PDB file of N, CA and C in Angstrom:
ATOM      1  N   MET A   1      -2.266 -15.704 -19.073  1.00  0.00           N
ATOM      2  CA  MET A   1      -3.393 -15.972 -19.755  1.00  0.00           C
ATOM      3  C   MET A   1      -3.617 -14.319 -20.536  1.00  0.00           C
ATOM      4  N   GLN A   2      -3.579 -14.588 -21.621  1.00  0.00           N
ATOM      5  CA  GLN A   2      -3.723 -13.209 -22.596  1.00  0.00           C
ATOM      6  C   GLN A   2      -5.172 -12.946 -22.419  1.00  0.00           C
ATOM      7  N   ASN A   3      -5.302 -11.431 -22.387  1.00  0.00           N
ATOM      8  CA  ASN A   3      -6.761 -11.024 -22.694  1.00  0.00           C
ATOM      9  C   ASN A   3      -7.933 -11.547 -23.894  1.00  0.00           C
ATOM     10  N   LEU A   4      -7.266 -12.052 -24.837  1.00  0.00           N
ATOM     11  CA  LEU A   4      -8.267 -12.787 -25.637  1.00  0.00           C
ATOM     12  C   LEU A   4      -8.738 -11.563 -26.678  1.00  0.00           C
ATOM     13  N   GLY A   5      -8.674 -10.356 -26.332  1.00  0.00           N
ATOM     14  CA  GLY A   5      -9.180  -9.182 -27.339  1.00  0.00           C
ATOM     15  C   GLY A   5     -10.761  -9.126 -26.902  1.00  0.00           C
ATOM     16  N   LEU A   6     -11.070  -9.819 -25.920  1.00  0.00           N
ATOM     17  CA  LEU A   6     -12.666  -9.553 -25.584  1.00  0.00           C
ATOM     18  C   LEU A   6     -12.827  -8.472 -25.296  1.00  0.00           C
ATOM     19  N   ASN A   7     -12.127  -7.662 -23.960  1.00  0.00           N
ATOM     20  CA  ASN A   7     -12.726  -6.444 -23.688  1.00  0.00           C
ATOM     21  C   ASN A   7     -11.262  -5.746 -22.956  1.00  0.00           C
ATOM     22  N   PRO A   8     -10.879  -4.683 -23.300  1.00  0.00           N
ATOM     23  CA  PRO A   8      -9.604  -4.183 -22.702  1.00  0.00           C
ATOM     24  C   PRO A   8      -9.413  -4.302 -21.137  1.00  0.00           C
ATOM     25  N   GLU A   9     -11.061  -4.452 -20.705  1.00  0.00           N
ATOM     26  CA  GLU A   9     -10.819  -4.287 -18.845  1.00  0.00           C
ATOM     27  C   GLU A   9     -10.911  -5.467 -18.647  1.00  0.00           C
ATOM     28  N   LEU A  10     -11.093  -6.524 -19.076  1.00  0.00           N
ATOM     29  CA  LEU A  10     -11.099  -7.733 -18.562  1.00  0.00           C
ATOM     30  C   LEU A  10      -9.715  -8.446 -18.252  1.00  0.00           C
ATOM     31  N   LEU A  11      -9.867  -8.613 -16.882  1.00  0.00           N
ATOM     32  CA  LEU A  11      -8.305  -9.269 -16.476  1.00  0.00           C
ATOM     33  C   LEU A  11      -8.610 -10.744 -15.824  1.00  0.00           C
ATOM     34  N   SER A  12      -7.607 -11.702 -16.536  1.00  0.00           N
ATOM     35  CA  SER A  12      -7.880 -13.208 -15.841  1.00  0.00           C
ATOM     36  C   SER A  12      -7.715 -12.578 -14.232  1.00  0.00           C
ATOM     37  N   LEU A  13      -8.199 -13.799 -13.599  1.00  0.00           N
ATOM     38  CA  LEU A  13      -8.007 -13.556 -12.122  1.00  0.00           C
ATOM     39  C   LEU A  13      -6.398 -13.884 -11.635  1.00  0.00           C
ATOM     40  N   ARG A  14      -5.756 -14.275 -12.353  1.00  0.00           N
ATOM     41  CA  ARG A  14      -4.106 -14.235 -12.227  1.00  0.00           C
ATOM     42  C   ARG A  14      -3.595 -12.875 -12.323  1.00  0.00           C
ATOM     43  N   GLU A  15      -3.982 -12.201 -13.440  1.00  0.00           N
ATOM     44  CA  GLU A  15      -3.790 -10.648 -13.224  1.00  0.00           C
ATOM     45  C   GLU A  15      -4.301  -9.898 -12.205  1.00  0.00           C
ATOM     46  N   ALA A  16      -5.776 -10.219 -11.822  1.00  0.00           N
ATOM     47  CA  ALA A  16      -6.398  -9.562 -10.990  1.00  0.00           C
ATOM     48  C   ALA A  16      -5.676  -9.537  -9.686  1.00  0.00           C
ATOM     49  N   SER A  17      -5.220 -10.858  -9.349  1.00  0.00           N
ATOM     50  CA  SER A  17      -4.344 -11.043  -8.001  1.00  0.00           C
ATOM     51  C   SER A  17      -3.165 -10.271  -8.199  1.00  0.00           C
ATOM     52  N   GLU A  18      -2.674  -9.789  -8.957  1.00  0.00           N
ATOM     53  CA  GLU A  18      -1.414  -9.052  -8.996  1.00  0.00           C
ATOM     54  C   GLU A  18      -1.805  -7.250  -8.639  1.00  0.00           C
ATOM     55  N   LEU A  19      -3.010  -7.553  -8.773  1.00  0.00           N
ATOM     56  CA  LEU A  19      -3.889  -5.843  -8.445  1.00  0.00           C
ATOM     57  C   LEU A  19      -4.145  -6.061  -6.785  1.00  0.00           C
ATOM     58  N   THR A  20      -4.066  -7.111  -6.363  1.00  0.00           N
ATOM     59  CA  THR A  20      -5.120  -7.273  -4.956  1.00  0.00           C
ATOM     60  C   THR A  20      -4.358  -8.000  -4.025  1.00  0.00           C
ATOM     61  N   PRO A  21      -4.603  -7.845  -2.772  1.00  0.00           N
ATOM     62  CA  PRO A  21      -4.118  -8.858  -1.656  1.00  0.00           C
ATOM     63  C   PRO A  21      -3.918 -10.289  -1.611  1.00  0.00           C
ATOM     64  N   TYR A  22      -5.212 -10.561  -2.676  1.00  0.00           N
ATOM     65  CA  TYR A  22      -5.822 -11.886  -2.650  1.00  0.00           C
ATOM     66  C   TYR A  22      -4.985 -12.616  -3.574  1.00  0.00           C
ATOM     67  N   SER A  23      -4.916 -14.042  -3.639  1.00  0.00           N
ATOM     68  CA  SER A  23      -4.470 -14.839  -4.641  1.00  0.00           C
ATOM     69  C   SER A  23      -5.397 -15.073  -5.708  1.00  0.00           C
ATOM     70  N   ALA A  24      -5.023 -15.540  -6.984  1.00  0.00           N
ATOM     71  CA  ALA A  24      -5.815 -16.457  -7.928  1.00  0.00           C
ATOM     72  C   ALA A  24      -6.583 -17.197  -7.413  1.00  0.00           C
ATOM     73  N   ASP A  25      -6.250 -18.394  -6.730  1.00  0.00           N
ATOM     74  CA  ASP A  25      -7.001 -19.225  -6.039  1.00  0.00           C
ATOM     75  C   ASP A  25      -8.240 -18.545  -5.206  1.00  0.00           C
ATOM     76  N   TYR A  26      -8.005 -17.621  -4.699  1.00  0.00           N
ATOM     77  CA  TYR A  26      -8.891 -17.246  -3.502  1.00  0.00           C
ATOM     78  C   TYR A  26     -10.168 -16.307  -4.454  1.00  0.00           C
ATOM     79  N   LEU A  27      -9.529 -15.682  -5.425  1.00  0.00           N
ATOM     80  CA  LEU A  27     -10.292 -14.846  -6.197  1.00  0.00           C
ATOM     81  C   LEU A  27     -11.470 -16.043  -7.202  1.00  0.00           C
ATOM     82  N   ASN A  28     -10.974 -16.905  -7.681  1.00  0.00           N
ATOM     83  CA  ASN A  28     -11.300 -17.919  -8.167  1.00  0.00           C
ATOM     84  C   ASN A  28     -12.731 -18.630  -7.159  1.00  0.00           C
ATOM     85  N   LEU A  29     -12.158 -18.853  -5.758  1.00  0.00           N
ATOM     86  CA  LEU A  29     -13.110 -19.258  -4.908  1.00  0.00           C
ATOM     87  C   LEU A  29     -14.430 -18.448  -4.569  1.00  0.00           C
ATOM     88  N   LEU A  30     -13.894 -16.814  -4.868  1.00  0.00           N
ATOM     89  CA  LEU A  30     -15.112 -15.675  -4.581  1.00  0.00           C
ATOM     90  C   LEU A  30     -15.982 -15.778  -5.826  1.00  0.00           C
ATOM     91  N   ALA A  31     -15.391 -16.021  -7.033  1.00  0.00           N
ATOM     92  CA  ALA A  31     -16.110 -16.317  -8.167  1.00  0.00           C
ATOM     93  C   ALA A  31     -17.250 -17.273  -8.195  1.00  0.00           C
ATOM     94  N   ARG A  32     -16.751 -18.598  -8.119  1.00  0.00           N
ATOM     95  CA  ARG A  32     -17.385 -19.648  -7.838  1.00  0.00           C
ATOM     96  C   ARG A  32     -18.759 -19.583  -7.033  1.00  0.00           C
ATOM     97  N   LYS A  33     -18.533 -18.852  -5.911  1.00  0.00           N
ATOM     98  CA  LYS A  33     -19.518 -18.828  -4.836  1.00  0.00           C
ATOM     99  C   LYS A  33     -20.252 -17.398  -5.078  1.00  0.00           C
ATOM    100  N   GLY A  34     -20.054 -16.563  -6.037  1.00  0.00           N
ATOM    101  CA  GLY A  34     -20.900 -15.775  -6.436  1.00  0.00           C
ATOM    102  C   GLY A  34     -20.669 -14.358  -5.455  1.00  0.00           C
ATOM    103  N   LYS A  35     -19.465 -14.217  -4.978  1.00  0.00           N
ATOM    104  CA  LYS A  35     -19.192 -13.193  -4.198  1.00  0.00           C
ATOM    105  C   LYS A  35     -18.611 -11.978  -4.543  1.00  0.00           C
ATOM    106  N   ILE A  36     -17.929 -12.172  -5.910  1.00  0.00           N
ATOM    107  CA  ILE A  36     -17.267 -11.213  -6.653  1.00  0.00           C
ATOM    108  C   ILE A  36     -18.069 -11.471  -8.105  1.00  0.00           C
ATOM    109  N   ARG A  37     -18.244 -10.151  -8.704  1.00  0.00           N
ATOM    110  CA  ARG A  37     -18.490 -10.581  -9.874  1.00  0.00           C
ATOM    111  C   ARG A  37     -17.823 -10.795 -11.056  1.00  0.00           C
ATOM    112  N   ALA A  38     -17.778 -12.005 -11.692  1.00  0.00           N
ATOM    113  CA  ALA A  38     -16.860 -12.144 -12.583  1.00  0.00           C
ATOM    114  C   ALA A  38     -17.562 -13.363 -13.616  1.00  0.00           C
ATOM    115  N   THR A  39     -16.931 -13.471 -15.165  1.00  0.00           N
ATOM    116  CA  THR A  39     -17.744 -14.228 -15.915  1.00  0.00           C
ATOM    117  C   THR A  39     -16.651 -15.206 -16.349  1.00  0.00           C
ATOM    118  N   LYS A  40     -17.562 -16.294 -16.523  1.00  0.00           N
ATOM    119  CA  LYS A  40     -16.486 -17.591 -16.988  1.00  0.00           C
ATOM    120  C   LYS A  40     -16.652 -17.883 -18.144  1.00  0.00           C
ATOM    121  N   ILE A  41     -15.700 -17.912 -18.899  1.00  0.00           N
ATOM    122  CA  ILE A  41     -15.658 -18.240 -20.539  1.00  0.00           C
ATOM    123  C   ILE A  41     -14.446 -19.724 -20.876  1.00  0.00           C
ATOM    124  N   GLY A  42     -15.278 -20.726 -20.681  1.00  0.00           N
ATOM    125  CA  GLY A  42     -14.535 -21.838 -20.864  1.00  0.00           C
ATOM    126  C   GLY A  42     -14.283 -22.325 -19.621  1.00  0.00           C
ATOM    127  N   ARG A  43     -12.972 -22.437 -19.414  1.00  0.00           N
ATOM    128  CA  ARG A  43     -12.313 -22.706 -17.746  1.00  0.00           C
ATOM    129  C   ARG A  43     -11.830 -21.929 -17.113  1.00  0.00           C
ATOM    130  N   ASP A  44     -11.993 -20.487 -17.728  1.00  0.00           N
ATOM    131  CA  ASP A  44     -11.342 -19.410 -17.075  1.00  0.00           C
ATOM    132  C   ASP A  44     -12.276 -18.377 -16.609  1.00  0.00           C
ATOM    133  N   TRP A  45     -12.127 -17.847 -15.593  1.00  0.00           N
ATOM    134  CA  TRP A  45     -12.960 -16.905 -14.817  1.00  0.00           C
ATOM    135  C   TRP A  45     -12.242 -15.347 -15.547  1.00  0.00           C
ATOM    136  N   LEU A  46     -12.958 -14.649 -15.874  1.00  0.00           N
ATOM    137  CA  LEU A  46     -12.813 -13.384 -16.379  1.00  0.00           C
ATOM    138  C   LEU A  46     -13.260 -12.043 -15.300  1.00  0.00           C
ATOM    139  N   ILE A  47     -12.892 -10.769 -15.079  1.00  0.00           N
ATOM    140  CA  ILE A  47     -13.065  -9.778 -14.250  1.00  0.00           C
ATOM    141  C   ILE A  47     -13.157  -8.628 -14.464  1.00  0.00           C
ATOM    142  N   THR A  48     -13.524  -7.579 -14.607  1.00  0.00           N
ATOM    143  CA  THR A  48     -13.337  -6.266 -14.813  1.00  0.00           C
ATOM    144  C   THR A  48     -12.683  -5.544 -14.098  1.00  0.00           C
ATOM    145  N   LYS A  49     -11.831  -4.705 -14.175  1.00  0.00           N
ATOM    146  CA  LYS A  49     -11.085  -3.962 -13.172  1.00  0.00           C
ATOM    147  C   LYS A  49     -12.195  -2.852 -12.389  1.00  0.00           C
ATOM    148  N   ALA A  50     -13.115  -2.855 -13.094  1.00  0.00           N
ATOM    149  CA  ALA A  50     -14.260  -1.969 -12.386  1.00  0.00           C
ATOM    150  C   ALA A  50     -14.878  -2.864 -11.283  1.00  0.00           C
ATOM    151  N   ASP A  51     -15.241  -4.176 -11.427  1.00  0.00           N
ATOM    152  CA  ASP A  51     -15.736  -4.834 -10.714  1.00  0.00           C
ATOM    153  C   ASP A  51     -14.611  -5.268  -9.304  1.00  0.00           C
ATOM    154  N   LEU A  52     -13.442  -5.698  -9.891  1.00  0.00           N
ATOM    155  CA  LEU A  52     -12.432  -5.692  -8.909  1.00  0.00           C
ATOM    156  C   LEU A  52     -12.465  -4.872  -8.153  1.00  0.00           C
ATOM    157  N   PHE A  53     -12.245  -3.548  -8.396  1.00  0.00           N
ATOM    158  CA  PHE A  53     -12.232  -2.467  -7.209  1.00  0.00           C
ATOM    159  C   PHE A  53     -13.350  -2.578  -6.405  1.00  0.00           C
ATOM    160  N   GLU A  54     -14.570  -2.511  -7.200  1.00  0.00           N
ATOM    161  CA  GLU A  54     -15.613  -2.388  -6.446  1.00  0.00           C
ATOM    162  C   GLU A  54     -15.761  -3.294  -5.225  1.00  0.00           C
ATOM    163  N   TYR A  55     -15.120  -4.591  -5.671  1.00  0.00           N
ATOM    164  CA  TYR A  55     -15.049  -5.356  -4.431  1.00  0.00           C
ATOM    165  C   TYR A  55     -14.359  -5.141  -3.534  1.00  0.00           C
ATOM    166  N   LEU A  56     -13.155  -4.373  -3.775  1.00  0.00           N
ATOM    167  CA  LEU A  56     -12.116  -4.045  -2.786  1.00  0.00           C
ATOM    168  C   LEU A  56     -12.697  -2.687  -2.034  1.00  0.00           C
ATOM    169  N   LYS A  57     -13.387  -2.331  -2.599  1.00  0.00           N
ATOM    170  CA  LYS A  57     -14.001  -0.874  -1.839  1.00  0.00           C
ATOM    171  C   LYS A  57     -15.126  -1.226  -0.813  1.00  0.00           C
ATOM    172  N   TYR A  58     -15.755  -2.424  -1.200  1.00  0.00           N
ATOM    173  CA  TYR A  58     -16.725  -3.140  -0.310  1.00  0.00           C
ATOM    174  C   TYR A  58     -16.195  -3.754   0.890  1.00  0.00           C
ATOM    175  N   GLN A  59     -14.906  -4.255   0.588  1.00  0.00           N
ATOM    176  CA  GLN A  59     -14.291  -5.126   1.618  1.00  0.00           C
ATOM    177  C   GLN A  59     -13.928  -4.219   2.779  1.00  0.00           C
ATOM    178  N   GLN A  60     -13.006  -3.147   1.984  1.00  0.00           N
ATOM    179  CA  GLN A  60     -12.790  -1.893   2.790  1.00  0.00           C
ATOM    180  C   GLN A  60     -13.688  -1.406   3.923  1.00  0.00           C
ATOM    181  N   ASN A  61     -14.748  -1.127   3.371  1.00  0.00           N
ATOM    182  CA  ASN A  61     -15.663  -0.437   3.984  1.00  0.00           C
ATOM    183  C   ASN A  61     -16.440  -1.460   5.135  1.00  0.00           C
ATOM    184  N   GLU A  62     -16.397  -3.049   4.836  1.00  0.00           N
ATOM    185  CA  GLU A  62     -16.821  -3.902   5.740  1.00  0.00           C
ATOM    186  C   GLU A  62     -15.823  -4.187   7.111  1.00  0.00           C
ATOM    187  N   SER A  63     -14.702  -3.857   6.591  1.00  0.00           N
ATOM    188  CA  SER A  63     -13.622  -4.060   7.524  1.00  0.00           C
ATOM    189  C   SER A  63     -13.465  -2.618   8.593  1.00  0.00           C
ATOM    190  N   GLN A  64     -13.871  -1.518   7.792  1.00  0.00           N
ATOM    191  CA  GLN A  64     -13.933  -0.404   8.926  1.00  0.00           C
ATOM    192  C   GLN A  64     -15.281  -0.535   9.707  1.00  0.00           C
ATOM    193  N   GLN A  65     -16.069  -0.965   9.119  1.00  0.00           N
ATOM    194  CA  GLN A  65     -17.437  -1.228  10.282  1.00  0.00           C
ATOM    195  C   GLN A  65     -17.056  -2.101  11.302  1.00  0.00           C
ATOM    196  N   ARG A  66     -16.314  -3.293  11.160  1.00  0.00           N
ATOM    197  CA  ARG A  66     -16.016  -4.115  11.879  1.00  0.00           C
ATOM    198  C   ARG A  66     -15.119  -3.447  13.082  1.00  0.00           C
ATOM    199  N   VAL A  67     -14.110  -2.805  12.701  1.00  0.00           N
ATOM    200  CA  VAL A  67     -13.267  -2.172  13.619  1.00  0.00           C
ATOM    201  C   VAL A  67     -13.928  -1.182  14.178  1.00  0.00           C
ATOM    202  N   SER A  68     -15.098  -0.717  13.927  1.00  0.00           N
ATOM    203  CA  SER A  68     -15.883   0.188  14.710  1.00  0.00           C
ATOM    204  C   SER A  68     -16.650  -0.375  15.835  1.00  0.00           C
ATOM    205  N   VAL A  69     -17.305  -1.522  15.388  1.00  0.00           N
ATOM    206  CA  VAL A  69     -18.241  -2.492  16.117  1.00  0.00           C
ATOM    207  C   VAL A  69     -17.137  -3.043  17.418  1.00  0.00           C
ATOM    208  N   ILE A  70     -15.835  -3.739  16.959  1.00  0.00           N
ATOM    209  CA  ILE A  70     -15.035  -3.865  18.049  1.00  0.00           C
ATOM    210  C   ILE A  70     -14.382  -2.841  18.773  1.00  0.00           C
ATOM    211  N   SER A  71     -14.073  -1.524  18.388  1.00  0.00           N
ATOM    212  CA  SER A  71     -13.774  -0.480  18.954  1.00  0.00           C
ATOM    213  C   SER A  71     -14.814  -0.325  20.440  1.00  0.00           C
ATOM    214  N   LYS A  72     -16.006  -0.110  19.872  1.00  0.00           N
ATOM    215  CA  LYS A  72     -17.039  -0.010  20.748  1.00  0.00           C
ATOM    216  C   LYS A  72     -17.414  -0.683  21.991  1.00  0.00           C
ATOM    217  N   TYR A  73     -17.333  -2.154  21.752  1.00  0.00           N
ATOM    218  CA  TYR A  73     -16.943  -3.177  22.843  1.00  0.00           C
ATOM    219  C   TYR A  73     -15.573  -3.105  23.323  1.00  0.00           C
ATOM    220  N   LEU A  74     -14.573  -3.056  22.901  1.00  0.00           N
ATOM    221  CA  LEU A  74     -13.723  -2.766  23.899  1.00  0.00           C
ATOM    222  C   LEU A  74     -13.581  -1.313  24.792  1.00  0.00           C
ATOM    223  N   ASN A  75     -14.044  -0.313  24.117  1.00  0.00           N
ATOM    224  CA  ASN A  75     -14.355   0.787  25.273  1.00  0.00           C
ATOM    225  C   ASN A  75     -15.076   0.168  26.230  1.00  0.00           C
ATOM    226  N   LEU A  76     -16.188  -0.352  26.104  1.00  0.00           N
ATOM    227  CA  LEU A  76     -17.250  -1.098  26.976  1.00  0.00           C
ATOM    228  C   LEU A  76     -16.199  -1.845  28.036  1.00  0.00           C
ATOM    229  N   LEU A  77     -15.501  -2.282  27.954  1.00  0.00           N
ATOM    230  CA  LEU A  77     -14.425  -3.107  28.664  1.00  0.00           C
ATOM    231  C   LEU A  77     -13.801  -2.540  29.481  1.00  0.00           C
ATOM    232  N   MET A  78     -13.243  -1.678  28.894  1.00  0.00           N
ATOM    233  CA  MET A  78     -12.081  -0.426  29.960  1.00  0.00           C
ATOM    234  C   MET A  78     -12.697   0.795  31.117  1.00  0.00           C
TER     235      MET A  78
END
């Protein structure tokens, strides 16, 4: 899909998937569930690079917190 000239920062979910470890289908699911900030225009979901990278940073922080919690439990078991 082309950018439609709407906003140079707007990406289709297919374009966004090329910048992330996530598939376009998974990003579509996140958008439909409201877990990632995206805008639906017609049949297509669009996302800004800023919103995409904000979600990636959020996920990275969540992952680090989970690892920290798991590490604490593992230390208790040893």
